[in-house]
Amino acid sequence: MGRSTVAPSAGTGTLACLVAGGVLWTATEYSVHRWVMHGQGGKNPLSEEHLDHHANPDRTNPLALDAETLGWKGAGFALVAALTAPFAGTRRASKIATGYTAGYCGYTWLHDRMHHRPPSGPVTRVLWRNHFRHHFSTPRRNFGVTSPVWDMVGRTTEGDGPVKVPRRLAMSWLTGDDGEVRADFADDYTLAGSTRRRHSAEDLRRALADKAPVAD
């Protein structure tokens, strides 16, 4: 009697393609953040915009559905689908591109949330802390926003202990009514300096030089 075989379901194949697209996005996120945004010192529009964000960290781009951002997402989908089609076939490439686009949308939403909402659990607590260590201590390290995996692969993970945040640049969710770090975040963050000013030309100069801001 012959041995029966069960073909993998279409749903399993679809999920694998979506996951592959999401993983591909995390690699893109790390690479662009490291070599384009930080590696070019403001010499291209992406780098200029990103380093301005380092000088003004509360200035973020929330997940938007306007024509311009939808156009960028559509262009990214088409490019990934075209690049993966010769290897995966047109149908699978479309699913991979869908996972990639979802990863990009998730990154945009998560990054905005990091700057304007507190972490809500142990995983987000680690992601938030890594990201703000990148902002305030190690701008040439800790590039991953949605995942720390590529930092581990690229050996760009760095930092232990609480993140020292310049008081004038502190995230709104970090401090209580007394202006000090809220008790539930005291193990992860400390404040330094005063609140005499919010941002300055010096913050931008240091950001363009890939240096962390200093407390005043």
N, C-alpha and C. Protein backbone atom coordinates (compact mmCIF):
# COMPACT_ATOMS: atom_id res chain seq x y z
N MET A 1 0.86 -1.19 0.00
CA MET A 1 0.00 0.00 0.00
C MET A 1 0.89 1.24 0.00
N GLY A 2 0.66 2.16 -0.92
CA GLY A 2 1.53 3.33 -1.06
C GLY A 2 1.34 4.31 0.10
N ARG A 3 2.39 5.03 0.37
CA ARG A 3 2.36 6.02 1.46
C ARG A 3 1.70 7.29 0.95
N SER A 4 0.73 7.79 1.67
CA SER A 4 0.04 9.01 1.26
C SER A 4 0.86 10.22 1.64
N THR A 5 0.75 11.24 0.86
CA THR A 5 1.43 12.50 1.14
C THR A 5 0.41 13.60 1.18
N VAL A 6 0.69 14.59 1.99
CA VAL A 6 -0.21 15.74 2.12
C VAL A 6 0.52 16.97 1.62
N ALA A 7 0.02 17.58 0.59
CA ALA A 7 0.66 18.78 0.04
C ALA A 7 0.47 19.93 1.01
N PRO A 8 1.49 20.80 1.13
CA PRO A 8 1.33 21.96 2.00
C PRO A 8 0.20 22.85 1.52
N SER A 9 -0.54 23.40 2.44
CA SER A 9 -1.68 24.23 2.08
C SER A 9 -1.23 25.53 1.45
N ALA A 10 -2.13 26.11 0.66
CA ALA A 10 -1.83 27.41 0.05
C ALA A 10 -1.63 28.47 1.12
N GLY A 11 -2.37 28.31 2.25
CA GLY A 11 -2.23 29.28 3.33
C GLY A 11 -0.84 29.27 3.93
N THR A 12 -0.23 28.08 4.05
CA THR A 12 1.12 27.98 4.59
C THR A 12 2.11 28.67 3.67
N GLY A 13 1.95 28.46 2.36
CA GLY A 13 2.83 29.11 1.40
C GLY A 13 2.70 30.62 1.43
N THR A 14 1.47 31.09 1.58
CA THR A 14 1.23 32.53 1.65
C THR A 14 1.88 33.12 2.89
N LEU A 15 1.72 32.44 4.03
CA LEU A 15 2.31 32.93 5.28
C LEU A 15 3.83 32.98 5.17
N ALA A 16 4.42 31.95 4.56
CA ALA A 16 5.88 31.93 4.40
C ALA A 16 6.35 33.10 3.56
N CYS A 17 5.62 33.42 2.51
CA CYS A 17 5.99 34.55 1.64
C CYS A 17 5.85 35.88 2.39
N LEU A 18 4.77 36.03 3.16
CA LEU A 18 4.58 37.26 3.92
C LEU A 18 5.68 37.44 4.96
N VAL A 19 6.04 36.34 5.64
CA VAL A 19 7.12 36.41 6.63
C VAL A 19 8.44 36.74 5.95
N ALA A 20 8.70 36.12 4.79
CA ALA A 20 9.93 36.42 4.06
C ALA A 20 10.00 37.89 3.68
N GLY A 21 8.87 38.46 3.28
CA GLY A 21 8.84 39.89 2.95
C GLY A 21 9.11 40.75 4.16
N GLY A 22 8.55 40.36 5.30
CA GLY A 22 8.80 41.12 6.53
C GLY A 22 10.25 41.07 6.95
N VAL A 23 10.87 39.90 6.83
CA VAL A 23 12.29 39.77 7.15
C VAL A 23 13.14 40.60 6.20
N LEU A 24 12.77 40.58 4.92
CA LEU A 24 13.49 41.39 3.94
C LEU A 24 13.39 42.87 4.30
N TRP A 25 12.22 43.30 4.80
CA TRP A 25 12.10 44.69 5.23
C TRP A 25 13.06 45.01 6.37
N THR A 26 13.17 44.13 7.37
CA THR A 26 14.04 44.43 8.51
C THR A 26 15.50 44.59 8.06
N ALA A 27 15.90 43.79 7.06
CA ALA A 27 17.26 43.93 6.53
C ALA A 27 17.43 45.27 5.81
N THR A 28 16.40 45.67 5.07
CA THR A 28 16.43 46.95 4.38
C THR A 28 16.47 48.10 5.38
N GLU A 29 15.63 48.01 6.40
CA GLU A 29 15.57 49.04 7.44
C GLU A 29 16.95 49.26 8.06
N TYR A 30 17.60 48.18 8.43
CA TYR A 30 18.93 48.26 9.04
C TYR A 30 19.94 48.86 8.07
N SER A 31 19.95 48.36 6.84
CA SER A 31 20.94 48.80 5.85
C SER A 31 20.79 50.27 5.50
N VAL A 32 19.56 50.70 5.26
CA VAL A 32 19.32 52.10 4.90
C VAL A 32 19.65 53.00 6.09
N HIS A 33 19.23 52.59 7.27
CA HIS A 33 19.50 53.39 8.47
C HIS A 33 21.00 53.54 8.70
N ARG A 34 21.73 52.46 8.53
CA ARG A 34 23.16 52.48 8.83
C ARG A 34 23.97 53.20 7.75
N TRP A 35 23.79 52.79 6.49
CA TRP A 35 24.70 53.25 5.44
C TRP A 35 24.19 54.43 4.62
N VAL A 36 22.89 54.65 4.60
CA VAL A 36 22.34 55.79 3.84
C VAL A 36 22.04 56.96 4.76
N MET A 37 21.28 56.72 5.82
CA MET A 37 20.88 57.81 6.70
C MET A 37 22.04 58.32 7.55
N HIS A 38 22.82 57.38 8.13
CA HIS A 38 23.93 57.80 8.97
C HIS A 38 25.26 57.83 8.23
N GLY A 39 25.39 57.07 7.18
CA GLY A 39 26.67 56.99 6.49
C GLY A 39 26.95 58.13 5.54
N GLN A 40 25.94 58.96 5.27
CA GLN A 40 26.10 60.02 4.27
C GLN A 40 26.15 61.43 4.85
N GLY A 41 26.02 61.57 6.15
CA GLY A 41 26.20 62.87 6.79
C GLY A 41 25.32 63.99 6.26
N GLY A 42 24.07 63.68 5.93
CA GLY A 42 23.15 64.70 5.44
C GLY A 42 23.31 65.06 3.98
N LYS A 43 24.04 64.24 3.22
CA LYS A 43 24.33 64.57 1.82
C LYS A 43 23.29 64.04 0.84
N ASN A 44 22.24 63.43 1.34
CA ASN A 44 21.12 63.04 0.50
C ASN A 44 19.84 63.34 1.28
N PRO A 45 18.69 63.42 0.60
CA PRO A 45 17.46 63.83 1.30
C PRO A 45 17.09 62.93 2.47
N LEU A 46 17.26 61.62 2.32
CA LEU A 46 16.94 60.71 3.42
C LEU A 46 17.84 60.97 4.62
N SER A 47 19.13 61.13 4.36
CA SER A 47 20.07 61.38 5.46
C SER A 47 19.79 62.72 6.12
N GLU A 48 19.53 63.75 5.32
CA GLU A 48 19.26 65.07 5.87
C GLU A 48 18.03 65.05 6.76
N GLU A 49 16.96 64.41 6.28
CA GLU A 49 15.73 64.35 7.06
C GLU A 49 15.94 63.55 8.35
N HIS A 50 16.67 62.45 8.25
CA HIS A 50 16.86 61.60 9.41
C HIS A 50 17.72 62.28 10.47
N LEU A 51 18.79 62.93 10.05
CA LEU A 51 19.66 63.57 11.03
C LEU A 51 18.99 64.80 11.65
N ASP A 52 18.10 65.44 10.90
CA ASP A 52 17.28 66.49 11.51
C ASP A 52 16.39 65.89 12.60
N HIS A 53 15.90 64.68 12.37
CA HIS A 53 15.12 63.99 13.39
C HIS A 53 15.96 63.73 14.64
N HIS A 54 17.25 63.45 14.47
CA HIS A 54 18.11 63.26 15.64
C HIS A 54 18.26 64.57 16.41
N ALA A 55 18.30 65.68 15.72
CA ALA A 55 18.39 66.98 16.39
C ALA A 55 17.05 67.38 17.01
N ASN A 56 15.96 66.90 16.43
CA ASN A 56 14.61 67.20 16.90
C ASN A 56 13.84 65.89 17.04
N PRO A 57 14.14 65.08 18.04
CA PRO A 57 13.63 63.70 18.08
C PRO A 57 12.13 63.56 18.20
N ASP A 58 11.42 64.62 18.62
CA ASP A 58 9.97 64.50 18.67
C ASP A 58 9.33 64.74 17.30
N ARG A 59 10.14 65.06 16.31
CA ARG A 59 9.63 65.27 14.94
C ARG A 59 9.68 63.94 14.19
N THR A 60 8.54 63.28 14.08
CA THR A 60 8.46 61.97 13.44
C THR A 60 7.41 61.98 12.34
N ASN A 61 7.41 60.91 11.55
CA ASN A 61 6.43 60.76 10.48
C ASN A 61 5.46 59.64 10.85
N PRO A 62 4.25 59.96 11.28
CA PRO A 62 3.29 58.91 11.60
C PRO A 62 2.84 58.18 10.34
N LEU A 63 2.27 57.00 10.52
CA LEU A 63 1.76 56.23 9.39
C LEU A 63 0.66 57.03 8.71
N ALA A 64 0.92 57.41 7.46
CA ALA A 64 -0.01 58.28 6.75
C ALA A 64 -0.56 57.58 5.51
N LEU A 65 -1.73 58.01 5.07
CA LEU A 65 -2.37 57.42 3.89
C LEU A 65 -2.62 58.48 2.82
N ASP A 66 -1.81 59.54 2.83
CA ASP A 66 -1.95 60.55 1.79
C ASP A 66 -1.35 60.05 0.48
N ALA A 67 -1.58 60.80 -0.59
CA ALA A 67 -1.17 60.35 -1.92
C ALA A 67 0.34 60.15 -2.03
N GLU A 68 1.12 61.03 -1.40
CA GLU A 68 2.58 60.93 -1.52
C GLU A 68 3.10 59.66 -0.86
N THR A 69 2.67 59.41 0.39
CA THR A 69 3.18 58.24 1.09
C THR A 69 2.65 56.94 0.47
N LEU A 70 1.41 56.95 0.00
CA LEU A 70 0.90 55.78 -0.71
C LEU A 70 1.69 55.53 -1.98
N GLY A 71 2.12 56.60 -2.63
CA GLY A 71 2.95 56.45 -3.82
C GLY A 71 4.28 55.79 -3.52
N TRP A 72 4.93 56.21 -2.42
CA TRP A 72 6.19 55.59 -2.00
C TRP A 72 6.00 54.13 -1.66
N LYS A 73 4.92 53.80 -0.94
CA LYS A 73 4.66 52.42 -0.58
C LYS A 73 4.38 51.58 -1.83
N GLY A 74 3.65 52.17 -2.77
CA GLY A 74 3.37 51.46 -4.02
C GLY A 74 4.63 51.21 -4.83
N ALA A 75 5.52 52.21 -4.84
CA ALA A 75 6.78 52.05 -5.58
C ALA A 75 7.64 50.97 -4.93
N GLY A 76 7.67 50.94 -3.59
CA GLY A 76 8.43 49.90 -2.89
C GLY A 76 7.87 48.52 -3.18
N PHE A 77 6.54 48.40 -3.17
CA PHE A 77 5.90 47.12 -3.49
C PHE A 77 6.29 46.66 -4.89
N ALA A 78 6.19 47.55 -5.86
CA ALA A 78 6.49 47.19 -7.24
C ALA A 78 7.95 46.78 -7.41
N LEU A 79 8.86 47.49 -6.74
CA LEU A 79 10.29 47.19 -6.86
C LEU A 79 10.61 45.82 -6.28
N VAL A 80 10.09 45.53 -5.08
CA VAL A 80 10.36 44.24 -4.45
C VAL A 80 9.75 43.11 -5.27
N ALA A 81 8.53 43.31 -5.77
CA ALA A 81 7.89 42.29 -6.59
C ALA A 81 8.71 42.02 -7.86
N ALA A 82 9.21 43.08 -8.48
CA ALA A 82 10.00 42.91 -9.71
C ALA A 82 11.32 42.20 -9.44
N LEU A 83 11.96 42.52 -8.30
CA LEU A 83 13.26 41.93 -7.99
C LEU A 83 13.16 40.46 -7.57
N THR A 84 12.05 40.09 -6.94
CA THR A 84 11.91 38.72 -6.45
C THR A 84 11.19 37.80 -7.44
N ALA A 85 10.49 38.35 -8.43
CA ALA A 85 9.75 37.53 -9.38
C ALA A 85 10.62 36.52 -10.12
N PRO A 86 11.84 36.88 -10.59
CA PRO A 86 12.66 35.89 -11.31
C PRO A 86 13.03 34.68 -10.46
N PHE A 87 13.03 34.81 -9.14
CA PHE A 87 13.43 33.71 -8.26
C PHE A 87 12.22 32.99 -7.66
N ALA A 88 11.16 33.74 -7.39
CA ALA A 88 10.03 33.17 -6.67
C ALA A 88 8.79 32.99 -7.53
N GLY A 89 8.76 33.56 -8.73
CA GLY A 89 7.56 33.54 -9.53
C GLY A 89 6.68 34.73 -9.22
N THR A 90 5.84 35.10 -10.16
CA THR A 90 5.05 36.33 -10.03
C THR A 90 4.10 36.30 -8.83
N ARG A 91 3.43 35.16 -8.62
CA ARG A 91 2.45 35.09 -7.53
C ARG A 91 3.13 35.18 -6.17
N ARG A 92 4.19 34.41 -5.98
CA ARG A 92 4.89 34.47 -4.70
C ARG A 92 5.54 35.83 -4.49
N ALA A 93 6.08 36.40 -5.56
CA ALA A 93 6.73 37.72 -5.45
C ALA A 93 5.75 38.78 -4.98
N SER A 94 4.50 38.69 -5.43
CA SER A 94 3.48 39.64 -5.01
C SER A 94 3.22 39.51 -3.51
N LYS A 95 3.21 38.28 -3.00
CA LYS A 95 2.99 38.06 -1.57
C LYS A 95 4.19 38.52 -0.75
N ILE A 96 5.40 38.27 -1.26
CA ILE A 96 6.60 38.75 -0.57
C ILE A 96 6.59 40.27 -0.49
N ALA A 97 6.21 40.92 -1.59
CA ALA A 97 6.15 42.38 -1.62
C ALA A 97 5.09 42.90 -0.66
N THR A 98 3.99 42.15 -0.50
CA THR A 98 2.96 42.54 0.46
C THR A 98 3.52 42.49 1.89
N GLY A 99 4.26 41.42 2.22
CA GLY A 99 4.89 41.33 3.53
C GLY A 99 5.91 42.43 3.76
N TYR A 100 6.64 42.76 2.72
CA TYR A 100 7.65 43.83 2.79
C TYR A 100 6.97 45.17 3.08
N THR A 101 5.89 45.46 2.36
CA THR A 101 5.17 46.72 2.53
C THR A 101 4.54 46.79 3.92
N ALA A 102 4.01 45.66 4.40
CA ALA A 102 3.46 45.62 5.75
C ALA A 102 4.55 45.89 6.78
N GLY A 103 5.75 45.35 6.53
CA GLY A 103 6.87 45.61 7.43
C GLY A 103 7.23 47.09 7.47
N TYR A 104 7.22 47.72 6.31
CA TYR A 104 7.51 49.16 6.24
C TYR A 104 6.46 49.96 6.99
N CYS A 105 5.18 49.60 6.80
CA CYS A 105 4.11 50.31 7.52
C CYS A 105 4.25 50.10 9.03
N GLY A 106 4.58 48.87 9.42
CA GLY A 106 4.76 48.58 10.84
C GLY A 106 5.91 49.38 11.43
N TYR A 107 7.00 49.51 10.68
CA TYR A 107 8.14 50.30 11.13
C TYR A 107 7.74 51.77 11.33
N THR A 108 7.03 52.34 10.36
CA THR A 108 6.61 53.74 10.45
C THR A 108 5.75 53.98 11.68
N TRP A 109 4.80 53.08 11.88
CA TRP A 109 3.90 53.19 13.04
C TRP A 109 4.67 53.03 14.34
N LEU A 110 5.56 52.01 14.40
CA LEU A 110 6.28 51.73 15.64
C LEU A 110 7.23 52.87 15.99
N HIS A 111 7.94 53.40 15.00
CA HIS A 111 8.90 54.47 15.27
C HIS A 111 8.19 55.71 15.81
N ASP A 112 7.08 56.06 15.21
CA ASP A 112 6.32 57.21 15.72
C ASP A 112 5.85 56.95 17.15
N ARG A 113 5.42 55.72 17.40
CA ARG A 113 4.92 55.38 18.74
C ARG A 113 6.05 55.45 19.77
N MET A 114 7.24 55.02 19.40
CA MET A 114 8.38 55.08 20.33
C MET A 114 8.59 56.49 20.88
N HIS A 115 8.44 57.47 20.02
CA HIS A 115 8.73 58.84 20.42
C HIS A 115 7.57 59.51 21.14
N HIS A 116 6.36 58.95 21.02
CA HIS A 116 5.20 59.63 21.59
C HIS A 116 4.36 58.80 22.55
N ARG A 117 4.68 57.52 22.70
CA ARG A 117 3.93 56.66 23.62
C ARG A 117 4.92 55.79 24.39
N PRO A 118 4.63 55.46 25.63
CA PRO A 118 5.55 54.62 26.42
C PRO A 118 5.50 53.17 25.96
N PRO A 119 6.54 52.40 26.28
CA PRO A 119 6.50 50.95 26.01
C PRO A 119 5.40 50.31 26.83
N SER A 120 4.86 49.19 26.30
CA SER A 120 3.71 48.58 26.97
C SER A 120 3.98 47.18 27.47
N GLY A 121 5.23 46.70 27.37
CA GLY A 121 5.55 45.35 27.82
C GLY A 121 7.04 45.10 27.72
N PRO A 122 7.49 43.91 28.08
CA PRO A 122 8.93 43.64 28.11
C PRO A 122 9.61 43.73 26.74
N VAL A 123 8.93 43.31 25.67
CA VAL A 123 9.53 43.37 24.34
C VAL A 123 9.67 44.81 23.88
N THR A 124 8.59 45.59 23.99
CA THR A 124 8.67 46.99 23.57
C THR A 124 9.62 47.77 24.47
N ARG A 125 9.72 47.38 25.73
CA ARG A 125 10.66 48.05 26.63
C ARG A 125 12.09 47.94 26.11
N VAL A 126 12.46 46.74 25.63
CA VAL A 126 13.81 46.54 25.07
C VAL A 126 13.97 47.32 23.77
N LEU A 127 12.97 47.26 22.89
CA LEU A 127 13.05 47.97 21.61
C LEU A 127 13.17 49.48 21.83
N TRP A 128 12.35 50.02 22.72
CA TRP A 128 12.38 51.46 23.03
C TRP A 128 13.76 51.85 23.55
N ARG A 129 14.28 51.07 24.50
CA ARG A 129 15.56 51.40 25.12
C ARG A 129 16.69 51.36 24.08
N ASN A 130 16.69 50.35 23.21
CA ASN A 130 17.71 50.28 22.16
C ASN A 130 17.65 51.49 21.25
N HIS A 131 16.43 51.89 20.91
CA HIS A 131 16.28 53.01 19.98
C HIS A 131 16.76 54.31 20.60
N PHE A 132 16.42 54.55 21.86
CA PHE A 132 16.84 55.80 22.48
C PHE A 132 18.31 55.79 22.88
N ARG A 133 18.88 54.61 23.04
CA ARG A 133 20.33 54.55 23.20
C ARG A 133 21.00 54.99 21.89
N HIS A 134 20.41 54.58 20.77
CA HIS A 134 20.89 55.03 19.46
C HIS A 134 20.80 56.55 19.35
N HIS A 135 19.71 57.12 19.81
CA HIS A 135 19.50 58.57 19.71
C HIS A 135 20.45 59.35 20.60
N PHE A 136 20.58 58.92 21.85
CA PHE A 136 21.21 59.78 22.85
C PHE A 136 22.61 59.34 23.29
N SER A 137 23.04 58.15 22.88
CA SER A 137 24.37 57.69 23.29
C SER A 137 25.21 57.18 22.14
N THR A 138 24.62 56.36 21.26
CA THR A 138 25.41 55.64 20.25
C THR A 138 24.80 55.77 18.86
N PRO A 139 24.83 56.94 18.24
CA PRO A 139 24.20 57.09 16.93
C PRO A 139 24.81 56.24 15.83
N ARG A 140 26.00 55.69 16.04
CA ARG A 140 26.60 54.79 15.06
C ARG A 140 26.43 53.33 15.46
N ARG A 141 25.49 53.07 16.36
CA ARG A 141 25.18 51.71 16.79
C ARG A 141 23.66 51.59 16.99
N ASN A 142 23.21 50.37 17.19
CA ASN A 142 21.79 50.12 17.52
C ASN A 142 20.85 50.69 16.46
N PHE A 143 21.04 50.27 15.22
CA PHE A 143 20.26 50.81 14.10
C PHE A 143 18.88 50.18 13.96
N GLY A 144 18.70 48.97 14.46
CA GLY A 144 17.42 48.29 14.29
C GLY A 144 16.31 48.97 15.08
N VAL A 145 15.19 49.21 14.43
CA VAL A 145 14.02 49.79 15.10
C VAL A 145 13.00 48.68 15.39
N THR A 146 12.64 47.93 14.38
CA THR A 146 11.66 46.86 14.57
C THR A 146 12.28 45.57 15.09
N SER A 147 13.60 45.42 14.95
CA SER A 147 14.26 44.20 15.38
C SER A 147 15.73 44.47 15.68
N PRO A 148 16.29 43.83 16.73
CA PRO A 148 17.72 43.98 17.01
C PRO A 148 18.58 42.94 16.30
N VAL A 149 17.98 42.06 15.50
CA VAL A 149 18.71 40.92 14.94
C VAL A 149 19.85 41.36 14.04
N TRP A 150 19.61 42.33 13.16
CA TRP A 150 20.66 42.72 12.23
C TRP A 150 21.79 43.48 12.92
N ASP A 151 21.49 44.15 14.04
CA ASP A 151 22.57 44.73 14.85
C ASP A 151 23.47 43.63 15.39
N MET A 152 22.88 42.51 15.77
CA MET A 152 23.68 41.39 16.25
C MET A 152 24.53 40.83 15.12
N VAL A 153 23.93 40.68 13.94
CA VAL A 153 24.67 40.16 12.78
C VAL A 153 25.79 41.12 12.39
N GLY A 154 25.47 42.42 12.36
CA GLY A 154 26.45 43.43 11.96
C GLY A 154 27.37 43.90 13.07
N ARG A 155 27.21 43.32 14.26
CA ARG A 155 28.04 43.67 15.42
C ARG A 155 27.96 45.17 15.75
N THR A 156 26.75 45.68 15.69
CA THR A 156 26.53 47.09 16.01
C THR A 156 25.63 47.26 17.23
N THR A 157 25.49 46.20 18.00
CA THR A 157 24.77 46.30 19.28
C THR A 157 25.72 46.84 20.33
N GLU A 158 25.29 47.84 21.05
CA GLU A 158 26.17 48.43 22.06
C GLU A 158 25.37 49.06 23.18
N GLY A 159 25.90 48.96 24.39
CA GLY A 159 25.32 49.71 25.49
C GLY A 159 24.69 48.85 26.56
N ASP A 160 24.96 49.24 27.79
CA ASP A 160 24.37 48.60 28.96
C ASP A 160 23.94 49.69 29.93
N GLY A 161 23.05 49.35 30.82
CA GLY A 161 22.64 50.31 31.83
C GLY A 161 21.63 51.31 31.30
N PRO A 162 21.21 52.23 32.15
CA PRO A 162 20.20 53.22 31.75
C PRO A 162 20.70 54.14 30.63
N VAL A 163 19.77 54.60 29.82
CA VAL A 163 20.07 55.58 28.76
C VAL A 163 20.03 56.98 29.38
N LYS A 164 21.07 57.75 29.17
CA LYS A 164 21.11 59.12 29.70
C LYS A 164 20.49 60.05 28.65
N VAL A 165 19.37 60.66 28.98
CA VAL A 165 18.61 61.50 28.06
C VAL A 165 18.80 62.97 28.42
N PRO A 166 19.26 63.81 27.48
CA PRO A 166 19.30 65.25 27.77
C PRO A 166 17.89 65.74 28.14
N ARG A 167 17.78 66.40 29.25
CA ARG A 167 16.47 66.78 29.76
C ARG A 167 15.64 67.55 28.74
N ARG A 168 16.31 68.42 27.97
CA ARG A 168 15.56 69.25 27.02
C ARG A 168 15.00 68.43 25.86
N LEU A 169 15.52 67.22 25.64
CA LEU A 169 15.08 66.38 24.53
C LEU A 169 14.25 65.20 25.00
N ALA A 170 13.88 65.17 26.28
CA ALA A 170 13.18 64.02 26.84
C ALA A 170 11.83 63.81 26.18
N MET A 171 11.50 62.55 25.95
CA MET A 171 10.21 62.20 25.39
C MET A 171 9.10 62.58 26.36
N SER A 172 7.96 63.00 25.85
CA SER A 172 6.88 63.49 26.71
C SER A 172 6.38 62.42 27.67
N TRP A 173 6.44 61.15 27.26
CA TRP A 173 5.93 60.08 28.11
C TRP A 173 6.90 59.68 29.22
N LEU A 174 8.15 60.16 29.15
CA LEU A 174 9.18 59.70 30.07
C LEU A 174 9.08 60.34 31.46
N THR A 175 8.58 61.57 31.52
CA THR A 175 8.61 62.32 32.77
C THR A 175 7.21 62.50 33.37
N GLY A 176 7.20 62.67 34.69
CA GLY A 176 5.95 62.93 35.39
C GLY A 176 5.71 64.42 35.56
N ASP A 177 4.73 64.75 36.37
CA ASP A 177 4.39 66.16 36.59
C ASP A 177 5.52 66.95 37.23
N ASP A 178 6.42 66.24 37.93
CA ASP A 178 7.54 66.91 38.58
C ASP A 178 8.74 67.11 37.65
N GLY A 179 8.60 66.66 36.40
CA GLY A 179 9.69 66.83 35.44
C GLY A 179 10.78 65.79 35.55
N GLU A 180 10.61 64.81 36.43
CA GLU A 180 11.61 63.75 36.60
C GLU A 180 11.12 62.47 35.93
N VAL A 181 12.06 61.52 35.74
CA VAL A 181 11.72 60.25 35.11
C VAL A 181 10.66 59.53 35.95
N ARG A 182 9.62 59.06 35.30
CA ARG A 182 8.58 58.31 35.99
C ARG A 182 9.17 57.05 36.61
N ALA A 183 8.65 56.65 37.74
CA ALA A 183 9.21 55.54 38.51
C ALA A 183 9.28 54.25 37.69
N ASP A 184 8.28 54.00 36.83
CA ASP A 184 8.27 52.75 36.07
C ASP A 184 9.32 52.71 34.96
N PHE A 185 9.98 53.85 34.68
CA PHE A 185 11.04 53.87 33.67
C PHE A 185 12.42 54.17 34.27
N ALA A 186 12.49 54.26 35.60
CA ALA A 186 13.73 54.69 36.26
C ALA A 186 14.87 53.70 36.08
N ASP A 187 14.58 52.42 35.82
CA ASP A 187 15.65 51.45 35.60
C ASP A 187 16.26 51.57 34.21
N ASP A 188 15.56 52.23 33.31
CA ASP A 188 16.00 52.27 31.91
C ASP A 188 16.54 53.63 31.46
N TYR A 189 16.15 54.71 32.16
CA TYR A 189 16.50 56.05 31.70
C TYR A 189 16.89 56.94 32.88
N THR A 190 17.81 57.86 32.61
CA THR A 190 18.10 58.95 33.53
C THR A 190 18.07 60.25 32.74
N LEU A 191 17.91 61.37 33.44
CA LEU A 191 17.91 62.68 32.80
C LEU A 191 19.19 63.42 33.15
N ALA A 192 19.66 64.24 32.22
CA ALA A 192 20.86 65.04 32.45
C ALA A 192 20.64 66.44 31.91
N GLY A 193 21.25 67.43 32.56
CA GLY A 193 21.16 68.80 32.07
C GLY A 193 19.92 69.51 32.53
N SER A 194 19.65 70.63 31.85
CA SER A 194 18.53 71.50 32.24
C SER A 194 17.51 71.55 31.11
N THR A 195 16.48 72.36 31.33
CA THR A 195 15.46 72.54 30.29
C THR A 195 15.45 73.98 29.79
N ARG A 196 16.59 74.64 29.84
CA ARG A 196 16.62 76.06 29.44
C ARG A 196 16.27 76.25 27.97
N ARG A 197 16.57 75.28 27.15
CA ARG A 197 16.24 75.40 25.72
C ARG A 197 15.80 74.03 25.21
N ARG A 198 15.10 74.02 24.10
CA ARG A 198 14.65 72.75 23.55
C ARG A 198 15.66 72.20 22.53
N HIS A 199 15.90 72.95 21.48
CA HIS A 199 16.79 72.49 20.43
C HIS A 199 17.69 73.65 20.03
N SER A 200 18.76 73.33 19.32
CA SER A 200 19.67 74.40 18.93
C SER A 200 20.42 74.00 17.67
N ALA A 201 21.12 74.98 17.10
CA ALA A 201 21.97 74.71 15.95
C ALA A 201 23.06 73.71 16.31
N GLU A 202 23.49 73.71 17.57
CA GLU A 202 24.51 72.77 18.02
C GLU A 202 23.99 71.33 17.98
N ASP A 203 22.72 71.13 18.29
CA ASP A 203 22.13 69.80 18.19
C ASP A 203 22.20 69.30 16.75
N LEU A 204 21.87 70.17 15.80
CA LEU A 204 21.90 69.77 14.39
C LEU A 204 23.33 69.53 13.93
N ARG A 205 24.26 70.37 14.38
CA ARG A 205 25.66 70.19 13.98
C ARG A 205 26.17 68.85 14.46
N ARG A 206 25.86 68.50 15.69
CA ARG A 206 26.32 67.23 16.22
C ARG A 206 25.63 66.06 15.51
N ALA A 207 24.36 66.22 15.21
CA ALA A 207 23.64 65.16 14.49
C ALA A 207 24.26 64.91 13.12
N LEU A 208 24.58 65.97 12.40
CA LEU A 208 25.17 65.83 11.07
C LEU A 208 26.57 65.21 11.15
N ALA A 209 27.23 65.36 12.29
CA ALA A 209 28.55 64.75 12.50
C ALA A 209 28.42 63.36 13.13
N ASP A 210 27.20 62.85 13.25
CA ASP A 210 26.94 61.55 13.85
C ASP A 210 27.44 61.46 15.29
N LYS A 211 27.21 62.52 16.04
CA LYS A 211 27.57 62.55 17.45
C LYS A 211 26.29 62.68 18.28
N ALA A 212 26.33 62.09 19.45
CA ALA A 212 25.17 62.18 20.35
C ALA A 212 25.02 63.59 20.87
N PRO A 213 23.80 64.01 21.20
CA PRO A 213 23.62 65.34 21.80
C PRO A 213 24.22 65.38 23.19
N VAL A 214 24.57 66.57 23.63
CA VAL A 214 25.14 66.73 24.96
C VAL A 214 24.12 67.43 25.86
N ALA A 215 24.18 67.14 27.14
CA ALA A 215 23.32 67.82 28.10
C ALA A 215 23.88 69.18 28.41
N ASP A 216 23.03 70.15 28.66
CA ASP A 216 23.50 71.50 29.01
C ASP A 216 22.97 71.89 30.38
